[in-house]
Amino acid sequence: MARLSAYFSLENAAGKHDAALLKRELDTLPGVTSVSVSGGGCLAVDYDTSGVRQEQILQKIQELGFHLRDGGE
């Protein structure tokens, strides 16, 4: 069981609505312990590897319609 942080740079996250959506949806993943989104589209996710993998977090972000900036992982 390891606690890790993943950082993503989103090209199309704009405002409080997107931040709230990302936080609400990513919090539903097992093992996610914290989600924060800056105004500039930087997303930080703290998680426990016994519950979720970084690839699953990325997949959820993409399913929600968000895209990473080039080199944004």
Protein backbone atom coordinates (compact mmCIF):
# COMPACT_ATOMS: atom_id res chain seq x y z
CA MET A 1 0.00 0.00 0.00
CA ALA A 2 1.65 3.20 -1.19
CA ARG A 3 0.36 6.74 -1.10
CA LEU A 4 1.22 8.70 -4.21
CA SER A 5 0.38 11.98 -5.88
CA ALA A 6 -0.32 12.48 -9.57
CA TYR A 7 -0.25 15.84 -11.33
CA PHE A 8 -1.99 16.63 -14.60
CA SER A 9 -2.08 19.81 -16.68
CA LEU A 10 -5.49 20.15 -18.30
CA GLU A 11 -5.95 22.16 -21.47
CA ASN A 12 -9.68 22.67 -21.17
CA ALA A 13 -10.49 23.05 -17.48
CA ALA A 14 -12.11 26.43 -17.03
CA GLY A 15 -13.51 27.68 -13.78
CA LYS A 16 -15.26 26.52 -10.68
CA HIS A 17 -17.77 24.26 -12.45
CA ASP A 18 -15.02 22.12 -14.04
CA ALA A 19 -13.09 22.01 -10.77
CA ALA A 20 -16.19 20.87 -8.88
CA LEU A 21 -16.96 18.22 -11.51
CA LEU A 22 -13.43 16.83 -11.45
CA LYS A 23 -13.33 16.75 -7.65
CA ARG A 24 -16.75 15.12 -7.33
CA GLU A 25 -16.09 12.44 -9.95
CA LEU A 26 -12.49 11.62 -9.00
CA ASP A 27 -13.46 11.37 -5.32
CA THR A 28 -15.68 8.41 -6.29
CA LEU A 29 -12.66 6.33 -7.31
CA PRO A 30 -11.58 3.91 -4.57
CA GLY A 31 -8.26 4.97 -3.08
CA VAL A 32 -8.46 8.65 -4.06
CA THR A 33 -7.84 10.67 -0.89
CA SER A 34 -7.58 14.24 -2.18
CA VAL A 35 -8.30 16.20 -5.37
CA SER A 36 -7.40 19.82 -6.03
CA VAL A 37 -7.67 21.93 -9.16
CA SER A 38 -6.00 25.28 -9.65
CA GLY A 39 -7.48 28.06 -11.74
CA GLY A 40 -4.86 27.41 -14.41
CA GLY A 41 -5.99 23.84 -15.03
CA CYS A 42 -3.41 22.08 -12.86
CA LEU A 43 -4.94 19.01 -11.26
CA ALA A 44 -3.38 17.22 -8.27
CA VAL A 45 -4.68 13.86 -7.07
CA ASP A 46 -3.46 12.06 -3.95
CA TYR A 47 -4.27 8.37 -3.93
CA ASP A 48 -3.56 5.00 -2.40
CA THR A 49 -2.24 2.42 -4.85
CA SER A 50 -4.15 -0.37 -3.13
CA GLY A 51 -7.38 1.19 -4.42
CA VAL A 52 -6.57 2.83 -7.76
CA ARG A 53 -3.81 3.18 -10.35
CA GLN A 54 -2.72 6.41 -12.04
CA GLU A 55 -3.93 5.02 -15.37
CA GLN A 56 -7.45 4.70 -13.95
CA ILE A 57 -7.38 8.31 -12.77
CA LEU A 58 -6.25 9.45 -16.21
CA GLN A 59 -8.98 7.38 -17.87
CA LYS A 60 -11.63 8.97 -15.64
CA ILE A 61 -10.35 12.46 -16.49
CA GLN A 62 -10.61 11.66 -20.20
CA GLU A 63 -14.08 10.10 -19.79
CA LEU A 64 -15.19 13.42 -18.30
CA GLY A 65 -14.11 15.17 -21.50
CA PHE A 66 -10.89 16.77 -20.31
CA HIS A 67 -7.63 16.66 -22.26
CA LEU A 68 -4.05 16.94 -21.08
CA ARG A 69 -1.76 19.66 -22.34
CA ASP A 70 1.28 18.40 -24.22
CA GLY A 71 3.63 16.87 -21.68
CA GLY A 72 0.94 17.25 -19.05
CA GLU A 73 1.22 14.19 -16.93
